[in-house]
């Protein structure tokens, strides 16, 4: 199990991580608020809400693993 998707593309079995594009948009919103005068201490702490699950089916097969259909339906990639 890896965090960055690159490791799965390089042969790792799977990764589960917060969507980097979503995190960038959220950071831009915070920066915008700060530049408009908001105090950083007054801004709420946010948790990621969008995640990516990537499964490398070739690696799963090589390991003799069967990935449940319910998990495959949730996966975002290979």
PDB file of N, CA and C in Angstrom:
ATOM      1  N   UNK A   1       0.857  -1.167   0.000  1.00  0.00           N
ATOM      2  CA  UNK A   1       0.000   0.000   0.000  1.00  0.00           C
ATOM      3  C   UNK A   1       0.906   1.232   0.000  1.00  0.00           C
ATOM      4  N   UNK A   2       0.669   2.115  -0.932  1.00  0.00           N
ATOM      5  CA  UNK A   2       1.503   3.306  -1.080  1.00  0.00           C
ATOM      6  C   UNK A   2       0.648   4.564  -1.049  1.00  0.00           C
ATOM      7  N   UNK A   3       1.270   5.679  -0.778  1.00  0.00           N
ATOM      8  CA  UNK A   3       0.565   6.945  -0.855  1.00  0.00           C
ATOM      9  C   UNK A   3       0.607   7.503  -2.274  1.00  0.00           C
ATOM     10  N   UNK A   4       1.790   7.744  -2.844  1.00  0.00           N
ATOM     11  CA  UNK A   4       1.783   8.326  -4.191  1.00  0.00           C
ATOM     12  C   UNK A   4       1.413   7.287  -5.251  1.00  0.00           C
ATOM     13  N   UNK A   5       0.637   7.724  -6.217  1.00  0.00           N
ATOM     14  CA  UNK A   5       0.195   6.864  -7.320  1.00  0.00           C
ATOM     15  C   UNK A   5       1.385   6.368  -8.143  1.00  0.00           C
ATOM     16  N   UNK A   6       2.470   7.128  -8.186  1.00  0.00           N
ATOM     17  CA  UNK A   6       3.638   6.756  -8.988  1.00  0.00           C
ATOM     18  C   UNK A   6       4.168   5.371  -8.612  1.00  0.00           C
ATOM     19  N   UNK A   7       4.104   5.030  -7.325  1.00  0.00           N
ATOM     20  CA  UNK A   7       4.608   3.723  -6.893  1.00  0.00           C
ATOM     21  C   UNK A   7       3.769   2.585  -7.464  1.00  0.00           C
ATOM     22  N   UNK A   8       2.477   2.804  -7.616  1.00  0.00           N
ATOM     23  CA  UNK A   8       1.620   1.780  -8.215  1.00  0.00           C
ATOM     24  C   UNK A   8       1.919   1.664  -9.703  1.00  0.00           C
ATOM     25  N   UNK A   9       2.128   2.778 -10.350  1.00  0.00           N
ATOM     26  CA  UNK A   9       2.477   2.753 -11.772  1.00  0.00           C
ATOM     27  C   UNK A   9       3.822   2.057 -12.004  1.00  0.00           C
ATOM     28  N   UNK A  10       4.677   2.057 -10.971  1.00  0.00           N
ATOM     29  CA  UNK A  10       5.984   1.401 -11.063  1.00  0.00           C
ATOM     30  C   UNK A  10       5.928  -0.064 -10.629  1.00  0.00           C
ATOM     31  N   UNK A  11       4.731  -0.561 -10.271  1.00  0.00           N
ATOM     32  CA  UNK A  11       4.606  -1.974  -9.927  1.00  0.00           C
ATOM     33  C   UNK A  11       4.038  -2.264  -8.564  1.00  0.00           C
ATOM     34  N   UNK A  12       3.821  -1.252  -7.737  1.00  0.00           N
ATOM     35  CA  UNK A  12       3.228  -1.465  -6.421  1.00  0.00           C
ATOM     36  C   UNK A  12       1.785  -1.934  -6.546  1.00  0.00           C
ATOM     37  N   UNK A  13       1.263  -2.551  -5.522  1.00  0.00           N
ATOM     38  CA  UNK A  13      -0.078  -3.132  -5.586  1.00  0.00           C
ATOM     39  C   UNK A  13      -1.181  -2.080  -5.592  1.00  0.00           C
ATOM     40  N   UNK A  14      -1.177  -1.182  -4.619  1.00  0.00           N
ATOM     41  CA  UNK A  14      -2.246  -0.183  -4.574  1.00  0.00           C
ATOM     42  C   UNK A  14      -1.829   1.037  -3.781  1.00  0.00           C
ATOM     43  N   UNK A  15      -2.570   2.114  -4.007  1.00  0.00           N
ATOM     44  CA  UNK A  15      -2.351   3.334  -3.229  1.00  0.00           C
ATOM     45  C   UNK A  15      -3.709   3.946  -2.909  1.00  0.00           C
ATOM     46  N   UNK A  16      -3.733   4.656  -1.808  1.00  0.00           N
ATOM     47  CA  UNK A  16      -4.937   5.347  -1.353  1.00  0.00           C
ATOM     48  C   UNK A  16      -4.461   6.666  -0.776  1.00  0.00           C
ATOM     49  N   UNK A  17      -4.926   7.778  -1.345  1.00  0.00           N
ATOM     50  CA  UNK A  17      -4.391   9.072  -0.927  1.00  0.00           C
ATOM     51  C   UNK A  17      -5.390  10.172  -1.243  1.00  0.00           C
ATOM     52  N   UNK A  18      -5.193  11.298  -0.592  1.00  0.00           N
ATOM     53  CA  UNK A  18      -6.053  12.450  -0.870  1.00  0.00           C
ATOM     54  C   UNK A  18      -5.735  12.987  -2.265  1.00  0.00           C
ATOM     55  N   UNK A  19      -6.752  13.430  -2.956  1.00  0.00           N
ATOM     56  CA  UNK A  19      -6.629  13.936  -4.318  1.00  0.00           C
ATOM     57  C   UNK A  19      -5.787  15.205  -4.318  1.00  0.00           C
ATOM     58  N   UNK A  20      -4.601  15.199  -4.965  1.00  0.00           N
ATOM     59  CA  UNK A  20      -3.728  16.375  -4.928  1.00  0.00           C
ATOM     60  C   UNK A  20      -4.346  17.607  -5.601  1.00  0.00           C
ATOM     61  N   UNK A  21      -5.133  17.418  -6.639  1.00  0.00           N
ATOM     62  CA  UNK A  21      -5.774  18.566  -7.285  1.00  0.00           C
ATOM     63  C   UNK A  21      -6.782  19.224  -6.350  1.00  0.00           C
ATOM     64  N   UNK A  22      -7.528  18.406  -5.624  1.00  0.00           N
ATOM     65  CA  UNK A  22      -8.497  18.927  -4.667  1.00  0.00           C
ATOM     66  C   UNK A  22      -7.783  19.684  -3.542  1.00  0.00           C
ATOM     67  N   UNK A  23      -6.670  19.131  -3.076  1.00  0.00           N
ATOM     68  CA  UNK A  23      -5.911  19.782  -1.996  1.00  0.00           C
ATOM     69  C   UNK A  23      -5.343  21.126  -2.468  1.00  0.00           C
ATOM     70  N   UNK A  24      -4.908  21.194  -3.728  1.00  0.00           N
ATOM     71  CA  UNK A  24      -4.379  22.445  -4.276  1.00  0.00           C
ATOM     72  C   UNK A  24      -5.470  23.508  -4.341  1.00  0.00           C
ATOM     73  N   UNK A  25      -6.663  23.113  -4.787  1.00  0.00           N
ATOM     74  CA  UNK A  25      -7.786  24.066  -4.839  1.00  0.00           C
ATOM     75  C   UNK A  25      -8.138  24.575  -3.445  1.00  0.00           C
ATOM     76  N   UNK A  26      -8.125  23.676  -2.483  1.00  0.00           N
ATOM     77  CA  UNK A  26      -8.454  24.077  -1.108  1.00  0.00           C
ATOM     78  C   UNK A  26      -7.393  25.043  -0.558  1.00  0.00           C
ATOM     79  N   UNK A  27      -6.128  24.764  -0.863  1.00  0.00           N
ATOM     80  CA  UNK A  27      -5.053  25.648  -0.415  1.00  0.00           C
ATOM     81  C   UNK A  27      -5.197  27.026  -1.049  1.00  0.00           C
ATOM     82  N   UNK A  28      -5.562  27.059  -2.332  1.00  0.00           N
ATOM     83  CA  UNK A  28      -5.741  28.344  -3.024  1.00  0.00           C
ATOM     84  C   UNK A  28      -6.862  29.149  -2.374  1.00  0.00           C
ATOM     85  N   UNK A  29      -7.911  28.471  -1.928  1.00  0.00           N
ATOM     86  CA  UNK A  29      -9.014  29.159  -1.248  1.00  0.00           C
ATOM     87  C   UNK A  29      -8.524  29.786   0.055  1.00  0.00           C
ATOM     88  N   UNK A  30      -7.715  29.052   0.794  1.00  0.00           N
ATOM     89  CA  UNK A  30      -7.156  29.590   2.045  1.00  0.00           C
ATOM     90  C   UNK A  30      -6.271  30.808   1.768  1.00  0.00           C
ATOM     91  N   UNK A  31      -5.407  30.696   0.769  1.00  0.00           N
ATOM     92  CA  UNK A  31      -4.512  31.800   0.426  1.00  0.00           C
ATOM     93  C   UNK A  31      -5.318  33.033   0.035  1.00  0.00           C
ATOM     94  N   UNK A  32      -6.371  32.824  -0.744  1.00  0.00           N
ATOM     95  CA  UNK A  32      -7.235  33.931  -1.151  1.00  0.00           C
ATOM     96  C   UNK A  32      -7.837  34.628   0.073  1.00  0.00           C
ATOM     97  N   UNK A  33      -8.310  33.845   1.022  1.00  0.00           N
ATOM     98  CA  UNK A  33      -8.902  34.431   2.235  1.00  0.00           C
ATOM     99  C   UNK A  33      -7.868  35.224   3.034  1.00  0.00           C
ATOM    100  N   UNK A  34      -6.665  34.677   3.133  1.00  0.00           N
ATOM    101  CA  UNK A  34      -5.601  35.359   3.881  1.00  0.00           C
ATOM    102  C   UNK A  34      -5.211  36.660   3.189  1.00  0.00           C
ATOM    103  N   UNK A  35      -5.082  36.612   1.862  1.00  0.00           N
ATOM    104  CA  UNK A  35      -4.730  37.831   1.125  1.00  0.00           C
ATOM    105  C   UNK A  35      -5.825  38.896   1.214  1.00  0.00           C
ATOM    106  N   UNK A  36      -7.039  38.477   1.473  1.00  0.00           N
ATOM    107  CA  UNK A  36      -8.149  39.419   1.629  1.00  0.00           C
ATOM    108  C   UNK A  36      -8.328  39.876   3.075  1.00  0.00           C
ATOM    109  N   UNK A  37      -7.382  39.479   3.958  1.00  0.00           N
ATOM    110  CA  UNK A  37      -7.371  39.994   5.312  1.00  0.00           C
ATOM    111  C   UNK A  37      -7.749  39.031   6.418  1.00  0.00           C
ATOM    112  N   UNK A  38      -8.137  37.820   6.097  1.00  0.00           N
ATOM    113  CA  UNK A  38      -8.484  36.865   7.150  1.00  0.00           C
ATOM    114  C   UNK A  38      -7.233  36.477   7.934  1.00  0.00           C
ATOM    115  N   UNK A  39      -7.402  36.281   9.231  1.00  0.00           N
ATOM    116  CA  UNK A  39      -6.296  35.831  10.065  1.00  0.00           C
ATOM    117  C   UNK A  39      -6.212  34.313   9.959  1.00  0.00           C
ATOM    118  N   UNK A  40      -5.039  33.776   9.667  1.00  0.00           N
ATOM    119  CA  UNK A  40      -4.907  32.324   9.541  1.00  0.00           C
ATOM    120  C   UNK A  40      -5.428  31.559  10.762  1.00  0.00           C
ATOM    121  N   UNK A  41      -5.232  32.113  11.939  1.00  0.00           N
ATOM    122  CA  UNK A  41      -5.693  31.439  13.161  1.00  0.00           C
ATOM    123  C   UNK A  41      -7.212  31.344  13.220  1.00  0.00           C
ATOM    124  N   UNK A  42      -7.907  32.203  12.484  1.00  0.00           N
ATOM    125  CA  UNK A  42      -9.370  32.183  12.496  1.00  0.00           C
ATOM    126  C   UNK A  42      -9.965  31.236  11.449  1.00  0.00           C
ATOM    127  N   UNK A  43      -9.133  30.722  10.555  1.00  0.00           N
ATOM    128  CA  UNK A  43      -9.629  29.820   9.520  1.00  0.00           C
ATOM    129  C   UNK A  43      -9.759  28.401  10.076  1.00  0.00           C
ATOM    130  N   UNK A  44     -10.815  27.704   9.705  1.00  0.00           N
ATOM    131  CA  UNK A  44     -10.996  26.342  10.227  1.00  0.00           C
ATOM    132  C   UNK A  44      -9.985  25.367   9.632  1.00  0.00           C
ATOM    133  N   UNK A  45      -9.654  24.359  10.403  1.00  0.00           N
ATOM    134  CA  UNK A  45      -8.807  23.279   9.914  1.00  0.00           C
ATOM    135  C   UNK A  45      -9.710  22.343   9.116  1.00  0.00           C
ATOM    136  N   UNK A  46      -9.266  21.962   7.942  1.00  0.00           N
ATOM    137  CA  UNK A  46     -10.064  21.081   7.095  1.00  0.00           C
ATOM    138  C   UNK A  46      -9.365  19.753   6.894  1.00  0.00           C
ATOM    139  N   UNK A  47     -10.164  18.716   6.771  1.00  0.00           N
ATOM    140  CA  UNK A  47      -9.666  17.381   6.445  1.00  0.00           C
ATOM    141  C   UNK A  47      -9.934  17.127   4.963  1.00  0.00           C
ATOM    142  N   UNK A  48      -9.114  16.326   4.317  1.00  0.00           N
ATOM    143  CA  UNK A  48      -9.405  15.985   2.924  1.00  0.00           C
ATOM    144  C   UNK A  48     -10.764  15.297   2.822  1.00  0.00           C
ATOM    145  N   UNK A  49     -11.450  15.545   1.724  1.00  0.00           N
ATOM    146  CA  UNK A  49     -12.755  14.918   1.525  1.00  0.00           C
ATOM    147  C   UNK A  49     -12.792  14.068   0.264  1.00  0.00           C
ATOM    148  N   UNK A  50     -11.805  14.226  -0.593  1.00  0.00           N
ATOM    149  CA  UNK A  50     -11.761  13.458  -1.832  1.00  0.00           C
ATOM    150  C   UNK A  50     -10.487  12.621  -1.844  1.00  0.00           C
ATOM    151  N   UNK A  51     -10.638  11.340  -2.082  1.00  0.00           N
ATOM    152  CA  UNK A  51      -9.505  10.421  -2.071  1.00  0.00           C
ATOM    153  C   UNK A  51      -9.461   9.630  -3.367  1.00  0.00           C
ATOM    154  N   UNK A  52      -8.271   9.122  -3.702  1.00  0.00           N
ATOM    155  CA  UNK A  52      -8.086   8.280  -4.875  1.00  0.00           C
ATOM    156  C   UNK A  52      -7.599   6.906  -4.429  1.00  0.00           C
ATOM    157  N   UNK A  53      -8.191   5.884  -5.012  1.00  0.00           N
ATOM    158  CA  UNK A  53      -7.760   4.506  -4.813  1.00  0.00           C
ATOM    159  C   UNK A  53      -7.290   3.996  -6.161  1.00  0.00           C
ATOM    160  N   UNK A  54      -6.038   3.551  -6.226  1.00  0.00           N
ATOM    161  CA  UNK A  54      -5.466   3.038  -7.472  1.00  0.00           C
ATOM    162  C   UNK A  54      -4.991   1.615  -7.208  1.00  0.00           C
ATOM    163  N   UNK A  55      -5.398   0.691  -8.079  1.00  0.00           N
ATOM    164  CA  UNK A  55      -5.017  -0.719  -7.938  1.00  0.00           C
ATOM    165  C   UNK A  55      -4.305  -1.168  -9.207  1.00  0.00           C
ATOM    166  N   UNK A  56      -3.163  -1.805  -9.026  1.00  0.00           N
ATOM    167  CA  UNK A  56      -2.415  -2.352 -10.153  1.00  0.00           C
ATOM    168  C   UNK A  56      -2.834  -3.817 -10.305  1.00  0.00           C
ATOM    169  N   UNK A  57      -3.684  -4.090 -11.292  1.00  0.00           N
ATOM    170  CA  UNK A  57      -4.206  -5.443 -11.478  1.00  0.00           C
ATOM    171  C   UNK A  57      -3.130  -6.430 -11.925  1.00  0.00           C
ATOM    172  N   UNK A  58      -2.133  -5.936 -12.657  1.00  0.00           N
ATOM    173  CA  UNK A  58      -1.036  -6.810 -13.087  1.00  0.00           C
ATOM    174  C   UNK A  58      -0.262  -7.320 -11.869  1.00  0.00           C
ATOM    175  N   UNK A  59       0.017  -6.434 -10.921  1.00  0.00           N
ATOM    176  CA  UNK A  59       0.725  -6.826  -9.706  1.00  0.00           C
ATOM    177  C   UNK A  59      -0.139  -7.766  -8.869  1.00  0.00           C
ATOM    178  N   UNK A  60      -1.423  -7.472  -8.771  1.00  0.00           N
ATOM    179  CA  UNK A  60      -2.335  -8.341  -8.012  1.00  0.00           C
ATOM    180  C   UNK A  60      -2.323  -9.751  -8.588  1.00  0.00           C
ATOM    181  N   UNK A  61      -2.382  -9.851  -9.912  1.00  0.00           N
ATOM    182  CA  UNK A  61      -2.373 -11.161 -10.567  1.00  0.00           C
ATOM    183  C   UNK A  61      -1.056 -11.884 -10.299  1.00  0.00           C
ATOM    184  N   UNK A  62       0.066 -11.141 -10.395  1.00  0.00           N
ATOM    185  CA  UNK A  62       1.384 -11.745 -10.156  1.00  0.00           C
ATOM    186  C   UNK A  62       1.511 -12.265  -8.718  1.00  0.00           C
ATOM    187  N   UNK A  63       0.815 -11.626  -7.785  1.00  0.00           N
ATOM    188  CA  UNK A  63       0.842 -12.054  -6.381  1.00  0.00           C
ATOM    189  C   UNK A  63      -0.205 -13.122  -6.083  1.00  0.00           C
ATOM    190  N   UNK A  64      -1.013 -13.451  -7.086  1.00  0.00           N
ATOM    191  CA  UNK A  64      -2.056 -14.446  -6.893  1.00  0.00           C
ATOM    192  C   UNK A  64      -3.247 -13.926  -6.102  1.00  0.00           C
ATOM    193  N   UNK A  65      -3.465 -12.618  -6.146  1.00  0.00           N
ATOM    194  CA  UNK A  65      -4.568 -12.008  -5.400  1.00  0.00           C
ATOM    195  C   UNK A  65      -5.777 -11.791  -6.298  1.00  0.00           C
ATOM    196  N   UNK A  66      -6.929 -11.992  -5.737  1.00  0.00           N
ATOM    197  CA  UNK A  66      -8.174 -11.673  -6.426  1.00  0.00           C
ATOM    198  C   UNK A  66      -8.751 -10.437  -5.746  1.00  0.00           C
ATOM    199  N   UNK A  67      -8.919  -9.385  -6.504  1.00  0.00           N
ATOM    200  CA  UNK A  67      -9.463  -8.143  -5.963  1.00  0.00           C
ATOM    201  C   UNK A  67     -10.987  -8.209  -6.067  1.00  0.00           C
ATOM    202  N   UNK A  68     -11.698  -8.030  -4.955  1.00  0.00           N
ATOM    203  CA  UNK A  68     -13.163  -8.094  -4.998  1.00  0.00           C
ATOM    204  C   UNK A  68     -13.744  -7.054  -5.956  1.00  0.00           C
ATOM    205  N   UNK A  69     -14.811  -7.428  -6.642  1.00  0.00           N
ATOM    206  CA  UNK A  69     -15.466  -6.534  -7.596  1.00  0.00           C
ATOM    207  C   UNK A  69     -15.878  -5.225  -6.936  1.00  0.00           C
ATOM    208  N   UNK A  70     -16.342  -5.299  -5.692  1.00  0.00           N
ATOM    209  CA  UNK A  70     -16.783  -4.080  -4.996  1.00  0.00           C
ATOM    210  C   UNK A  70     -15.630  -3.092  -4.832  1.00  0.00           C
ATOM    211  N   UNK A  71     -14.418  -3.586  -4.659  1.00  0.00           N
ATOM    212  CA  UNK A  71     -13.247  -2.718  -4.536  1.00  0.00           C
ATOM    213  C   UNK A  71     -12.837  -2.181  -5.908  1.00  0.00           C
ATOM    214  N   UNK A  72     -12.910  -3.028  -6.919  1.00  0.00           N
ATOM    215  CA  UNK A  72     -12.563  -2.596  -8.275  1.00  0.00           C
ATOM    216  C   UNK A  72     -13.475  -1.463  -8.755  1.00  0.00           C
ATOM    217  N   UNK A  73     -14.725  -1.517  -8.383  1.00  0.00           N
ATOM    218  CA  UNK A  73     -15.664  -0.475  -8.787  1.00  0.00           C
ATOM    219  C   UNK A  73     -15.332   0.876  -8.168  1.00  0.00           C
ATOM    220  N   UNK A  74     -14.645   0.865  -7.059  1.00  0.00           N
ATOM    221  CA  UNK A  74     -14.267   2.113  -6.380  1.00  0.00           C
ATOM    222  C   UNK A  74     -12.907   2.637  -6.833  1.00  0.00           C
ATOM    223  N   UNK A  75     -12.117   1.813  -7.503  1.00  0.00           N
ATOM    224  CA  UNK A  75     -10.751   2.191  -7.875  1.00  0.00           C
ATOM    225  C   UNK A  75     -10.752   3.190  -9.018  1.00  0.00           C
ATOM    226  N   UNK A  76      -9.692   4.014  -9.056  1.00  0.00           N
ATOM    227  CA  UNK A  76      -9.535   5.060 -10.045  1.00  0.00           C
ATOM    228  C   UNK A  76      -8.582   4.716 -11.180  1.00  0.00           C
ATOM    229  N   UNK A  77      -7.877   3.598 -11.080  1.00  0.00           N
ATOM    230  CA  UNK A  77      -6.874   3.337 -12.113  1.00  0.00           C
ATOM    231  C   UNK A  77      -6.552   1.885 -12.281  1.00  0.00           C
ATOM    232  N   UNK A  78      -5.318   1.629 -12.757  1.00  0.00           N
ATOM    233  CA  UNK A  78      -4.847   0.296 -13.139  1.00  0.00           C
ATOM    234  C   UNK A  78      -5.018  -0.694 -12.009  1.00  0.00           C
TER     235      UNK A  78
END
